[in-house]
Amino acid sequence: MSDRADRILDATADLFVRFGAGKTTVDDIARAAGVSKGSVYLEFAGKRELAEALVEREFRAYLTAVNTTVDSDPEGGRLSRVYRHALDELLARPLMRALYTRDADVLGTMLLRHGPARYAPRVLLGRRFVERLQRAGLVRADLDPDTLSEAMAVLSAGLILAPPVLGRDQGASPEAIELLTTMLTDLAEPPDGSGDITAGKRAFADLCRELGEQLSG
């Protein structure tokens, strides 16, 4: 991707966060990026293609950041730690928060066009990942992987969607995130703290790589 394309994507991200995708025009993007409208169309066929490129770039950056944090955490292979790091990174990214709330229609349209697998970070910690952690002794064997994955997705969505309703502009409180992480530890992980943490980190790294490949599909 050219430097000009990156500059256009940076400007688009800023405008989407500030004003929303629906209120942002190609003229606005060109002006903010310091390029002509024609230059935008030389890099991207239209606003839809520009938005898709932006979402893919954001998801890639998100996956890289979470994987790096998980790998550097001594307990990073545990489900509760992966969940916490994934959630913290998502909430720290204004564009990601916007895509899950105000601009959810942008992501929804892309899911309809390409299928849910391409944007699987919406449900990051799915069944296959949970099963790998179970084999590594990091998740209780008696828990159903699909049910646990669904529960984590619902809790994550609640943390993202609830704060605006509750009048919190900066997202979920650290206390709420910490409480959910503790609940996940108590519910899903072996009570004696056993399990192969290295295998858990490897499973998450593999998951991030697979999701990155899906984004290229």
Protein backbone atom coordinates (compact mmCIF):
# COMPACT_ATOMS: atom_id res chain seq x y z
CA MET A 1 0.00 0.00 0.00
CA SER A 2 1.34 3.44 -0.93
CA ASP A 3 2.09 6.23 1.55
CA ARG A 4 -0.75 8.20 0.00
CA ALA A 5 -3.19 5.34 0.57
CA ASP A 6 -2.08 5.10 4.21
CA ARG A 7 -2.59 8.84 4.62
CA ILE A 8 -6.07 8.55 3.16
CA LEU A 9 -6.90 5.67 5.51
CA ASP A 10 -5.58 7.64 8.50
CA ALA A 11 -7.81 10.57 7.58
CA THR A 12 -10.79 8.27 7.06
CA ALA A 13 -10.29 6.65 10.47
CA ASP A 14 -10.21 10.03 12.18
CA LEU A 15 -13.35 11.23 10.41
CA PHE A 16 -15.25 8.00 11.06
CA VAL A 17 -14.46 8.28 14.77
CA ARG A 18 -15.37 11.96 14.99
CA PHE A 19 -18.43 12.10 12.75
CA GLY A 20 -19.39 8.54 11.81
CA ALA A 21 -19.11 6.70 8.51
CA GLY A 22 -22.51 7.82 7.29
CA LYS A 23 -21.71 11.52 7.65
CA THR A 24 -18.26 11.30 6.09
CA THR A 25 -17.95 11.98 2.36
CA VAL A 26 -15.09 11.34 -0.05
CA ASP A 27 -14.68 15.11 -0.29
CA ASP A 28 -14.22 15.25 3.49
CA ILE A 29 -11.65 12.47 3.33
CA ALA A 30 -9.67 14.09 0.52
CA ARG A 31 -9.61 17.42 2.35
CA ALA A 32 -8.46 15.84 5.61
CA ALA A 33 -5.78 13.79 3.85
CA GLY A 34 -4.50 16.79 1.92
CA VAL A 35 -5.07 15.18 -1.48
CA SER A 36 -7.46 15.70 -4.36
CA LYS A 37 -10.70 13.76 -4.65
CA GLY A 38 -9.28 12.18 -7.79
CA SER A 39 -6.29 10.92 -5.81
CA VAL A 40 -8.64 9.12 -3.43
CA TYR A 41 -10.25 7.34 -6.38
CA LEU A 42 -6.83 6.40 -7.75
CA GLU A 43 -6.21 4.45 -4.54
CA PHE A 44 -9.74 3.17 -3.86
CA ALA A 45 -12.64 2.50 -6.21
CA GLY A 46 -15.10 4.22 -3.89
CA LYS A 47 -16.08 4.93 -0.32
CA ARG A 48 -17.18 1.33 0.25
CA GLU A 49 -13.83 -0.07 -0.86
CA LEU A 50 -12.05 2.56 1.20
CA ALA A 51 -14.06 1.59 4.28
CA GLU A 52 -13.29 -2.10 3.72
CA ALA A 53 -9.57 -1.40 3.45
CA LEU A 54 -9.74 0.64 6.64
CA VAL A 55 -11.55 -2.08 8.58
CA GLU A 56 -9.11 -4.74 7.38
CA ARG A 57 -6.13 -2.59 8.39
CA GLU A 58 -7.67 -1.92 11.80
CA PHE A 59 -8.38 -5.61 12.43
CA ARG A 60 -4.83 -6.55 11.44
CA ALA A 61 -3.38 -3.96 13.80
CA TYR A 62 -5.72 -5.16 16.53
CA LEU A 63 -4.73 -8.80 16.14
CA THR A 64 -1.02 -7.94 16.10
CA ALA A 65 -1.32 -5.81 19.23
CA VAL A 66 -3.29 -8.41 21.20
CA ASN A 67 -0.98 -11.24 20.18
CA THR A 68 2.07 -9.22 21.25
CA THR A 69 0.52 -8.47 24.63
CA VAL A 70 -0.56 -12.07 25.19
CA ASP A 71 2.89 -13.36 24.29
CA SER A 72 4.64 -10.97 26.70
CA ASP A 73 2.31 -11.84 29.62
CA PRO A 74 3.77 -14.69 31.75
CA GLU A 75 0.21 -15.97 32.23
CA GLY A 76 -0.88 -14.98 28.73
CA GLY A 77 -1.91 -18.44 27.57
CA ARG A 78 -4.79 -18.61 30.03
CA LEU A 79 -8.28 -17.93 28.69
CA SER A 80 -8.99 -15.16 31.20
CA ARG A 81 -5.78 -13.34 30.26
CA VAL A 82 -6.39 -13.66 26.52
CA TYR A 83 -9.95 -12.42 27.04
CA ARG A 84 -8.75 -9.49 29.13
CA HIS A 85 -6.04 -8.45 26.68
CA ALA A 86 -8.37 -8.78 23.67
CA LEU A 87 -11.02 -6.68 25.38
CA ASP A 88 -8.59 -4.04 26.64
CA GLU A 89 -7.13 -3.59 23.16
CA LEU A 90 -10.56 -3.36 21.54
CA LEU A 91 -11.77 -0.75 24.01
CA ALA A 92 -8.53 1.23 23.58
CA ARG A 93 -9.19 1.64 19.85
CA PRO A 94 -11.75 4.37 19.07
CA LEU A 95 -12.31 3.08 15.55
CA MET A 96 -12.98 -0.45 16.77
CA ARG A 97 -15.47 0.86 19.32
CA ALA A 98 -17.20 2.88 16.62
CA LEU A 99 -17.44 -0.17 14.34
CA TYR A 100 -19.19 -2.13 17.06
CA THR A 101 -21.58 0.66 18.04
CA ARG A 102 -22.36 3.74 15.97
CA ASP A 103 -20.98 2.40 12.68
CA ALA A 104 -22.04 -1.23 13.13
CA ASP A 105 -23.80 -0.98 9.76
CA VAL A 106 -20.40 -0.66 8.05
CA LEU A 107 -19.21 -3.94 9.51
CA GLY A 108 -22.61 -5.55 8.98
CA THR A 109 -22.56 -4.72 5.27
CA MET A 110 -19.10 -6.24 4.92
CA LEU A 111 -20.22 -9.39 6.72
CA LEU A 112 -23.09 -9.75 4.28
CA ARG A 113 -20.79 -9.30 1.28
CA HIS A 114 -17.89 -11.51 2.36
CA GLY A 115 -19.32 -13.85 5.00
CA PRO A 116 -18.69 -13.81 8.75
CA ALA A 117 -15.45 -15.81 8.65
CA ARG A 118 -13.57 -12.94 7.03
CA TYR A 119 -14.29 -10.65 9.95
CA ALA A 120 -14.10 -13.32 12.65
CA PRO A 121 -12.51 -10.93 15.19
CA ARG A 122 -16.12 -10.00 15.97
CA VAL A 123 -16.21 -13.39 17.74
CA LEU A 124 -12.50 -13.73 18.40
CA LEU A 125 -12.38 -16.55 20.94
CA GLY A 126 -14.39 -19.20 19.13
CA ARG A 127 -15.02 -22.89 19.64
CA ARG A 128 -11.80 -24.20 18.07
CA PHE A 129 -9.66 -21.94 20.23
CA VAL A 130 -11.50 -22.98 23.40
CA GLU A 131 -11.06 -26.64 22.44
CA ARG A 132 -7.30 -26.16 22.07
CA LEU A 133 -7.15 -24.61 25.53
CA GLN A 134 -9.10 -27.56 26.89
CA ARG A 135 -6.56 -29.96 25.38
CA ALA A 136 -3.82 -27.88 27.02
CA GLY A 137 -5.54 -28.22 30.39
CA LEU A 138 -6.27 -24.48 30.57
CA VAL A 139 -10.07 -24.72 30.39
CA ARG A 140 -12.29 -27.13 32.29
CA ALA A 141 -13.03 -30.21 30.19
CA ASP A 142 -16.68 -30.35 31.27
CA LEU A 143 -17.55 -27.00 29.68
CA ASP A 144 -19.13 -26.89 26.22
CA PRO A 145 -16.81 -24.88 23.92
CA ASP A 146 -19.65 -23.36 21.88
CA THR A 147 -21.51 -22.21 24.98
CA LEU A 148 -18.39 -20.72 26.56
CA SER A 149 -17.47 -18.91 23.34
CA GLU A 150 -20.99 -17.51 23.03
CA ALA A 151 -20.99 -16.35 26.65
CA MET A 152 -17.71 -14.49 26.18
CA ALA A 153 -19.02 -12.83 23.01
CA VAL A 154 -22.20 -11.70 24.78
CA LEU A 155 -20.24 -10.31 27.73
CA SER A 156 -17.86 -8.47 25.41
CA ALA A 157 -20.73 -6.96 23.44
CA GLY A 158 -22.33 -5.81 26.68
CA LEU A 159 -19.15 -4.07 27.80
CA ILE A 160 -18.97 -2.25 24.47
CA LEU A 161 -22.64 -1.35 24.06
CA ALA A 162 -23.66 -0.58 27.64
CA PRO A 163 -21.40 2.40 28.53
CA PRO A 164 -23.03 4.90 26.10
CA VAL A 165 -26.44 3.95 27.49
CA LEU A 166 -25.09 4.46 31.02
CA GLY A 167 -23.57 7.81 30.12
CA ARG A 168 -19.94 6.66 30.04
CA ASP A 169 -18.17 8.10 27.01
CA GLN A 170 -14.84 6.37 27.67
CA GLY A 171 -16.11 2.80 27.62
CA ALA A 172 -16.49 0.20 30.33
CA SER A 173 -14.92 0.89 33.71
CA PRO A 174 -11.73 -0.93 34.70
CA GLU A 175 -13.62 -2.36 37.65
CA ALA A 176 -16.25 -3.96 35.40
CA ILE A 177 -13.59 -5.48 33.15
CA GLU A 178 -11.65 -6.81 36.13
CA LEU A 179 -14.80 -8.35 37.61
CA LEU A 180 -15.65 -10.14 34.36
CA THR A 181 -12.09 -11.43 34.05
CA THR A 182 -12.25 -12.81 37.59
CA MET A 183 -15.62 -14.42 36.87
CA LEU A 184 -14.18 -16.08 33.76
CA THR A 185 -11.21 -17.38 35.75
CA ASP A 186 -13.47 -18.86 38.42
CA LEU A 187 -15.95 -20.32 35.94
CA ALA A 188 -13.80 -21.71 33.15
CA GLU A 189 -10.28 -22.38 34.37
CA PRO A 190 -8.90 -25.22 36.52
CA PRO A 191 -9.12 -24.19 40.19
CA ASP A 192 -5.53 -25.26 40.84
CA GLY A 193 -4.15 -22.95 38.13
CA SER A 194 -2.73 -25.84 36.13
CA GLY A 195 -2.34 -26.11 32.37
CA ASP A 196 0.24 -25.57 29.63
CA ILE A 197 0.51 -21.79 29.27
CA THR A 198 2.97 -22.06 26.38
CA ALA A 199 0.47 -24.19 24.46
CA GLY A 200 -2.20 -21.58 25.16
CA LYS A 201 -0.02 -18.80 23.76
CA ARG A 202 0.73 -20.93 20.72
CA ALA A 203 -2.98 -21.55 20.18
CA PHE A 204 -3.71 -17.83 20.26
CA ALA A 205 -0.82 -17.01 17.93
CA ASP A 206 -2.14 -19.61 15.48
CA LEU A 207 -5.62 -18.12 15.77
CA CYS A 208 -4.34 -14.63 15.00
CA ARG A 209 -2.41 -15.93 11.99
CA GLU A 210 -5.49 -17.75 10.67
CA LEU A 211 -7.66 -14.67 11.09
CA GLY A 212 -5.07 -12.57 9.30
CA GLU A 213 -5.10 -15.01 6.39
CA GLN A 214 -8.90 -14.84 6.26
CA LEU A 215 -8.70 -11.06 5.98
CA SER A 216 -6.57 -11.53 2.86
CA GLY A 217 -9.13 -13.88 1.30
